[in-house]
Amino acid sequence: MIKTDVQQALQHKIDTKTKPLGALGKLETLAFKIGSIQNTETPTIAKPAIIVFAGDHGIASKGEVNPFPQEVTAQMVYNFVNGGAAINVFSKTNDIELKVVDAGVNHEFGADLNIINAKIALGTKNYQEEPAMTSTQCTDAMRKAGDIVENLHKNGCNTVGFGEMGISNTSSAALLMSYFTKIPIEDCVGSGTGLDSEGISKKGKILSEVYEKHQPKSAEEALATFGGFEIAMLCGAILKAYELNMVIVIDGFIVTSALLAAQAINPKVLESCVFAHSSNEQGHKNMLEFLNADPLLALGLRLGEGTGAALAIPLLRASVDFLNNMASFESAGVSGESEN
């Protein structure tokens, strides 16, 4: 890769801090990446936010691929609003703004709740029978998500992480993973919210039949066929955040499935993505390998909600802080390596 003038200056700045070359490991790589995204030697993490998109899936109503009933999606959205979920705790701990979006939950929430209403429909269709959504619905979902990201950006946010909630969305993610990576669907299917080995086997068989039934011809068609409204919104949000030169913090299995669609539409989005963690959901590591991604954390998480992104954002802050505030050999009057 040919480095720009700013990137050359960034690398020099990193290398001449009062430390051995490369001694801060991934923090150095991260500082370089954030500076490259923002095209500056003095990058910042300003007003970081996490957007959690929630949506229901038609296949969940049959209960064949999900151990929890569809109603849990709406119940968890109420939990987000009431501050009781893991993402609430981690966002508060790390001073991150949290936005909750109704992308298409099979429930009507009160207008007085702190939820962004971007509902496309009361859940998707069952892709065992027909595409999950129409192309118009998919386009609308992506556009609405882009508007939400743009509003955050206008208010000074330059770093955004994404999360999701939707019973059965690991099934959609597995289908999208198989479509974009060409990995057999059986190797993309995991336990989701807690299936046992028999349940995983049954889930794999059902999703194999779904995969064979549909033959999408484009990334957008695959997203409409297999996705959820929350996944379509994740894809649109990622594309918009890239357009706005924001630092994009990618969470786990579901969010990465949306990124697979986004990078198929515009491969350059990867230039702005930081991968928060490697999930314990089967398939995520293969997704990351396909994208040549090097995640920051490996904590055994498989919760979703943007929890991995919330835990990674302090590392982004640390990386720009060392770049901006740590002394150089020259400024500190310390002899550099060549002088020892």
Protein backbone atom coordinates (compact mmCIF):
# COMPACT_ATOMS: atom_id res chain seq x y z
CA MET A 1 0.00 0.00 0.00
CA ILE A 2 1.35 3.41 -0.98
CA LYS A 3 1.00 5.72 2.02
CA THR A 4 -0.32 9.24 1.65
CA ASP A 5 1.62 12.18 3.07
CA VAL A 6 -0.66 12.16 6.13
CA GLN A 7 -0.15 8.43 6.62
CA GLN A 8 3.63 8.81 6.37
CA ALA A 9 3.47 11.56 8.99
CA LEU A 10 1.23 9.39 11.17
CA GLN A 11 3.65 6.48 11.02
CA HIS A 12 6.58 8.74 11.87
CA LYS A 13 4.66 10.20 14.80
CA ILE A 14 3.81 6.71 16.11
CA ASP A 15 7.36 5.41 15.65
CA THR A 16 9.03 8.32 17.45
CA LYS A 17 7.01 8.13 20.66
CA THR A 18 9.00 7.25 23.79
CA LYS A 19 8.77 3.48 23.36
CA PRO A 20 10.39 0.73 21.32
CA LEU A 21 9.08 0.39 17.76
CA GLY A 22 5.76 -1.46 17.76
CA ALA A 23 5.66 -1.74 21.56
CA LEU A 24 2.02 -0.64 21.78
CA GLY A 25 0.96 -3.38 19.38
CA LYS A 26 -2.60 -3.11 18.08
CA LEU A 27 -2.99 0.34 19.60
CA GLU A 28 -0.43 1.60 17.09
CA THR A 29 -2.28 -0.04 14.21
CA LEU A 30 -5.52 1.42 15.52
CA ALA A 31 -4.12 4.94 15.86
CA PHE A 32 -2.81 4.75 12.29
CA LYS A 33 -6.19 3.52 11.02
CA ILE A 34 -8.22 6.21 12.78
CA GLY A 35 -5.82 8.91 11.61
CA SER A 36 -6.11 7.54 8.06
CA ILE A 37 -9.92 7.56 8.19
CA GLN A 38 -9.96 11.14 9.46
CA ASN A 39 -6.99 12.15 7.26
CA THR A 40 -5.18 13.85 10.13
CA GLU A 41 -2.16 13.41 12.38
CA THR A 42 -4.33 14.37 15.38
CA PRO A 43 -7.42 12.13 15.21
CA THR A 44 -10.20 12.27 17.79
CA ILE A 45 -13.00 10.08 19.06
CA ALA A 46 -15.84 12.58 19.32
CA LYS A 47 -19.24 11.83 20.86
CA PRO A 48 -19.11 8.08 20.18
CA ALA A 49 -22.49 6.41 19.81
CA ILE A 50 -23.95 2.96 19.40
CA ILE A 51 -27.14 2.40 17.44
CA VAL A 52 -29.10 -0.76 18.19
CA PHE A 53 -31.52 -1.74 15.42
CA ALA A 54 -34.33 -4.13 16.36
CA GLY A 55 -36.53 -6.16 14.05
CA ASP A 56 -38.54 -9.37 13.91
CA HIS A 57 -38.25 -12.26 11.48
CA GLY A 58 -41.07 -14.19 9.88
CA ILE A 59 -39.40 -17.54 10.41
CA ALA A 60 -39.33 -16.99 14.18
CA SER A 61 -43.10 -17.32 14.47
CA LYS A 62 -42.79 -21.07 13.77
CA GLY A 63 -40.20 -21.57 16.52
CA GLU A 64 -38.16 -24.07 14.51
CA VAL A 65 -34.83 -22.22 14.51
CA ASN A 66 -35.09 -20.23 17.73
CA PRO A 67 -35.29 -21.41 21.36
CA PHE A 68 -36.86 -18.11 22.47
CA PRO A 69 -40.27 -16.91 21.21
CA GLN A 70 -40.55 -13.94 18.86
CA GLU A 71 -42.06 -11.81 21.64
CA VAL A 72 -38.63 -11.56 23.25
CA THR A 73 -37.55 -9.01 20.62
CA ALA A 74 -40.09 -6.45 21.84
CA GLN A 75 -39.45 -7.36 25.47
CA MET A 76 -35.74 -6.70 25.02
CA VAL A 77 -36.43 -3.36 23.34
CA TYR A 78 -38.35 -2.37 26.49
CA ASN A 79 -35.34 -3.57 28.49
CA PHE A 80 -33.08 -1.29 26.41
CA VAL A 81 -35.40 1.64 27.01
CA ASN A 82 -35.48 0.92 30.75
CA GLY A 83 -31.67 0.71 30.94
CA GLY A 84 -31.51 -2.93 31.99
CA ALA A 85 -29.54 -4.63 29.21
CA ALA A 86 -25.82 -5.30 28.93
CA ILE A 87 -25.49 -2.66 26.22
CA ASN A 88 -26.99 -0.06 28.57
CA VAL A 89 -24.49 -0.94 31.28
CA PHE A 90 -21.45 -0.90 29.00
CA SER A 91 -22.54 2.27 27.21
CA LYS A 92 -22.94 4.03 30.54
CA THR A 93 -19.63 2.70 31.85
CA ASN A 94 -17.78 3.99 28.80
CA ASP A 95 -19.70 7.25 28.23
CA ILE A 96 -21.19 6.22 24.90
CA GLU A 97 -24.50 7.57 23.60
CA LEU A 98 -27.02 4.81 22.93
CA LYS A 99 -29.79 4.98 20.33
CA VAL A 100 -32.48 2.30 20.02
CA VAL A 101 -34.26 1.96 16.67
CA ASP A 102 -37.46 0.07 15.89
CA ALA A 103 -36.59 -1.20 12.42
CA GLY A 104 -39.50 -3.61 12.23
CA VAL A 105 -40.50 -5.19 15.53
CA ASN A 106 -43.79 -7.11 15.58
CA HIS A 107 -45.17 -4.76 18.23
CA GLU A 108 -46.36 -1.17 18.42
CA PHE A 109 -44.34 0.90 20.89
CA GLY A 110 -45.73 4.01 22.54
CA ALA A 111 -44.69 7.33 21.01
CA ASP A 112 -43.53 8.53 24.44
CA LEU A 113 -40.72 5.95 24.64
CA ASN A 114 -37.11 6.85 23.88
CA ILE A 115 -37.10 4.81 20.67
CA ILE A 116 -36.45 6.00 17.12
CA ASN A 117 -39.44 4.81 15.12
CA ALA A 118 -38.18 3.71 11.71
CA LYS A 119 -40.52 0.72 11.45
CA ILE A 120 -40.81 -0.73 7.96
CA ALA A 121 -43.40 -3.40 8.86
CA LEU A 122 -44.38 -5.68 11.73
CA GLY A 123 -41.53 -8.07 11.02
CA THR A 124 -40.35 -9.65 7.79
CA LYS A 125 -42.03 -12.43 5.83
CA ASN A 126 -40.97 -16.05 6.32
CA TYR A 127 -38.21 -16.73 3.79
CA GLN A 128 -39.14 -20.42 3.87
CA GLU A 129 -42.02 -19.34 1.67
CA GLU A 130 -41.07 -16.00 0.04
CA PRO A 131 -38.38 -13.31 0.24
CA ALA A 132 -38.15 -11.68 3.67
CA MET A 133 -38.93 -8.23 2.25
CA THR A 134 -39.55 -6.45 -1.01
CA SER A 135 -36.79 -4.53 -2.74
CA THR A 136 -38.64 -1.30 -1.89
CA GLN A 137 -38.76 -2.21 1.80
CA CYS A 138 -35.05 -3.03 1.75
CA THR A 139 -34.20 0.29 0.09
CA ASP A 140 -36.40 2.18 2.57
CA ALA A 141 -34.71 0.46 5.51
CA MET A 142 -31.26 1.36 4.24
CA ARG A 143 -32.26 4.97 3.59
CA LYS A 144 -33.86 5.43 7.01
CA ALA A 145 -30.77 4.06 8.72
CA GLY A 146 -28.59 6.42 6.70
CA ASP A 147 -30.68 9.35 7.88
CA ILE A 148 -30.25 8.28 11.53
CA VAL A 149 -26.46 8.10 11.12
CA GLU A 150 -26.39 11.46 9.34
CA ASN A 151 -28.28 13.11 12.21
CA LEU A 152 -25.76 11.75 14.71
CA HIS A 153 -22.93 13.06 12.56
CA LYS A 154 -24.50 16.51 12.37
CA ASN A 155 -24.51 16.57 16.18
CA GLY A 156 -20.75 16.01 16.34
CA CYS A 157 -20.44 12.21 16.44
CA ASN A 158 -17.49 10.90 14.42
CA THR A 159 -17.40 7.33 15.76
CA VAL A 160 -20.33 4.93 15.59
CA GLY A 161 -20.78 1.33 16.65
CA PHE A 162 -23.72 -0.86 15.75
CA GLY A 163 -25.79 -3.45 17.57
CA GLU A 164 -28.97 -5.40 16.92
CA MET A 165 -31.84 -7.31 18.47
CA GLY A 166 -34.08 -9.75 16.67
CA ILE A 167 -35.09 -13.30 17.51
CA SER A 168 -33.88 -15.58 14.67
CA ASN A 169 -31.49 -13.01 13.24
CA THR A 170 -28.58 -15.46 13.51
CA SER A 171 -30.43 -17.49 10.86
CA SER A 172 -30.53 -14.50 8.51
CA ALA A 173 -26.88 -13.80 9.26
CA ALA A 174 -25.92 -17.40 8.45
CA LEU A 175 -27.75 -17.25 5.12
CA LEU A 176 -26.07 -13.97 4.21
CA MET A 177 -22.70 -15.31 5.31
CA SER A 178 -23.06 -18.33 3.06
CA TYR A 179 -24.22 -16.21 0.13
CA PHE A 180 -21.33 -13.73 0.31
CA THR A 181 -18.49 -16.04 1.41
CA LYS A 182 -19.63 -19.19 -0.46
CA ILE A 183 -19.00 -21.21 2.70
CA PRO A 184 -21.55 -24.09 2.94
CA ILE A 185 -24.58 -23.04 4.97
CA GLU A 186 -24.08 -25.90 7.46
CA ASP A 187 -20.74 -24.36 8.46
CA CYS A 188 -22.35 -20.97 8.99
CA VAL A 189 -25.05 -22.09 11.43
CA GLY A 190 -24.50 -21.77 15.17
CA SER A 191 -26.41 -21.97 18.42
CA GLY A 192 -27.79 -18.43 18.33
CA THR A 193 -29.55 -17.79 21.62
CA GLY A 194 -28.83 -21.27 22.92
CA LEU A 195 -29.76 -24.17 20.64
CA ASP A 196 -28.34 -27.58 21.56
CA SER A 197 -26.60 -29.81 19.01
CA GLU A 198 -29.89 -31.33 17.85
CA GLY A 199 -31.38 -27.85 17.44
CA ILE A 200 -28.36 -26.65 15.48
CA SER A 201 -28.63 -29.64 13.16
CA LYS A 202 -32.33 -28.97 12.56
CA LYS A 203 -31.63 -25.27 12.01
CA GLY A 204 -28.95 -26.15 9.47
CA LYS A 205 -31.31 -28.41 7.53
CA ILE A 206 -34.05 -25.76 7.42
CA LEU A 207 -31.67 -23.02 6.32
CA SER A 208 -30.14 -25.27 3.66
CA GLU A 209 -33.61 -25.67 2.17
CA VAL A 210 -34.15 -21.89 2.33
CA TYR A 211 -30.80 -21.25 0.65
CA GLU A 212 -31.59 -23.66 -2.17
CA LYS A 213 -35.06 -22.17 -2.67
CA HIS A 214 -33.83 -18.65 -3.47
CA GLN A 215 -31.24 -17.54 -6.00
CA PRO A 216 -30.51 -13.82 -5.41
CA LYS A 217 -28.64 -12.09 -8.22
CA SER A 218 -27.14 -9.16 -6.29
CA ALA A 219 -26.10 -8.04 -2.83
CA GLU A 220 -29.24 -5.95 -2.49
CA GLU A 221 -31.44 -8.86 -3.55
CA ALA A 222 -29.71 -11.19 -1.09
CA LEU A 223 -30.28 -8.67 1.70
CA ALA A 224 -33.97 -8.42 0.81
CA THR A 225 -34.35 -12.20 0.46
CA PHE A 226 -32.56 -13.39 3.59
CA GLY A 227 -32.19 -10.35 5.81
CA GLY A 228 -34.17 -8.73 8.56
CA PHE A 229 -35.19 -5.10 8.64
CA GLU A 230 -32.56 -4.54 11.33
CA ILE A 231 -29.87 -6.12 9.14
CA ALA A 232 -30.88 -4.04 6.11
CA MET A 233 -30.68 -0.95 8.32
CA LEU A 234 -27.26 -2.01 9.59
CA CYS A 235 -26.09 -2.26 5.99
CA GLY A 236 -27.44 1.19 5.12
CA ALA A 237 -25.98 2.68 8.29
CA ILE A 238 -22.52 1.29 7.53
CA LEU A 239 -22.61 2.67 3.99
CA LYS A 240 -23.67 6.12 5.20
CA ALA A 241 -21.09 6.20 8.00
CA TYR A 242 -18.40 5.46 5.43
CA GLU A 243 -19.63 8.32 3.23
CA LEU A 244 -19.32 10.65 6.23
CA ASN A 245 -15.74 9.51 7.06
CA MET A 246 -16.85 8.18 10.42
CA VAL A 247 -14.98 5.50 12.35
CA ILE A 248 -17.22 2.43 12.13
CA VAL A 249 -17.02 -0.07 15.00
CA ILE A 250 -18.22 -3.51 13.89
CA ASP A 251 -19.71 -5.76 16.58
CA GLY A 252 -20.36 -9.49 16.22
CA PHE A 253 -21.95 -12.07 13.94
CA ILE A 254 -25.10 -10.19 12.92
CA VAL A 255 -23.45 -6.82 12.34
CA THR A 256 -20.66 -8.49 10.37
CA SER A 257 -23.25 -10.18 8.14
CA ALA A 258 -24.60 -6.72 7.32
CA LEU A 259 -21.05 -5.59 6.61
CA LEU A 260 -20.66 -8.47 4.14
CA ALA A 261 -23.57 -6.97 2.20
CA ALA A 262 -22.25 -3.42 2.55
CA GLN A 263 -18.76 -4.30 1.31
CA ALA A 264 -20.26 -6.18 -1.63
CA ILE A 265 -22.05 -2.94 -2.56
CA ASN A 266 -19.02 -0.73 -1.83
CA PRO A 267 -15.73 -2.52 -0.97
CA LYS A 268 -14.20 0.74 0.28
CA VAL A 269 -16.34 0.64 3.45
CA LEU A 270 -13.77 -1.72 4.96
CA GLU A 271 -11.27 1.18 5.04
CA SER A 272 -13.35 2.80 7.79
CA CYS A 273 -14.15 -0.32 9.84
CA VAL A 274 -12.63 -1.30 13.17
CA PHE A 275 -13.52 -4.84 14.26
CA ALA A 276 -14.41 -4.86 17.95
CA HIS A 277 -14.17 -8.56 18.79
CA SER A 278 -14.30 -12.15 17.70
CA SER A 279 -17.62 -13.68 18.72
CA ASN A 280 -18.19 -17.19 20.04
CA GLU A 281 -21.00 -17.68 17.52
CA GLN A 282 -19.93 -20.31 15.00
CA GLY A 283 -19.15 -18.64 11.73
CA HIS A 284 -17.96 -15.28 13.00
CA LYS A 285 -14.29 -16.20 12.90
CA ASN A 286 -14.71 -17.34 9.29
CA MET A 287 -16.45 -14.06 8.46
CA LEU A 288 -13.54 -12.14 9.94
CA GLU A 289 -11.05 -14.26 8.02
CA PHE A 290 -12.96 -13.64 4.78
CA LEU A 291 -12.72 -9.89 5.43
CA ASN A 292 -9.04 -10.08 6.46
CA ALA A 293 -10.10 -8.51 9.76
CA ASP A 294 -8.04 -8.40 12.94
CA PRO A 295 -10.44 -7.92 15.87
CA LEU A 296 -9.38 -6.05 18.99
CA LEU A 297 -10.92 -8.36 21.58
CA ALA A 298 -11.69 -12.06 22.09
CA LEU A 299 -13.86 -12.30 25.19
CA GLY A 300 -16.09 -15.23 24.32
CA LEU A 301 -19.08 -12.94 23.71
CA ARG A 302 -22.11 -14.01 21.68
CA LEU A 303 -24.73 -11.59 22.94
CA GLY A 304 -25.08 -9.00 20.19
CA GLU A 305 -26.69 -5.67 21.15
CA GLY A 306 -23.43 -3.90 20.26
CA THR A 307 -21.81 -5.07 23.50
CA GLY A 308 -18.48 -5.88 21.86
CA ALA A 309 -18.41 -2.46 20.20
CA ALA A 310 -19.11 -0.73 23.52
CA LEU A 311 -16.22 -2.59 25.15
CA ALA A 312 -13.84 -1.75 22.29
CA ILE A 313 -14.46 1.99 22.06
CA PRO A 314 -12.24 2.75 25.11
CA LEU A 315 -9.37 1.19 23.15
CA LEU A 316 -10.06 3.61 20.29
CA ARG A 317 -9.90 6.48 22.78
CA ALA A 318 -6.64 5.13 24.21
CA SER A 319 -5.08 4.84 20.77
CA VAL A 320 -5.74 8.45 19.79
CA ASP A 321 -4.76 9.65 23.27
CA PHE A 322 -1.32 8.06 23.09
CA LEU A 323 -0.87 9.48 19.58
CA ASN A 324 -1.83 13.00 20.65
CA ASN A 325 -0.44 13.16 24.19
CA MET A 326 2.48 10.80 24.58
CA ALA A 327 5.91 12.46 24.37
CA SER A 328 8.26 11.86 21.47
CA PHE A 329 11.93 11.06 22.00
CA GLU A 330 12.76 14.59 20.85
CA SER A 331 10.22 16.43 23.03
CA ALA A 332 11.12 14.38 26.11
CA GLY A 333 14.85 14.64 25.59
CA VAL A 334 15.15 10.86 25.58
CA SER A 335 17.74 9.17 23.39
CA GLY A 336 16.20 7.20 20.55
CA GLU A 337 16.96 3.56 19.73
CA SER A 338 19.76 4.41 17.31
CA GLU A 339 21.55 6.34 20.06
CA ASN A 340 21.53 3.53 22.63
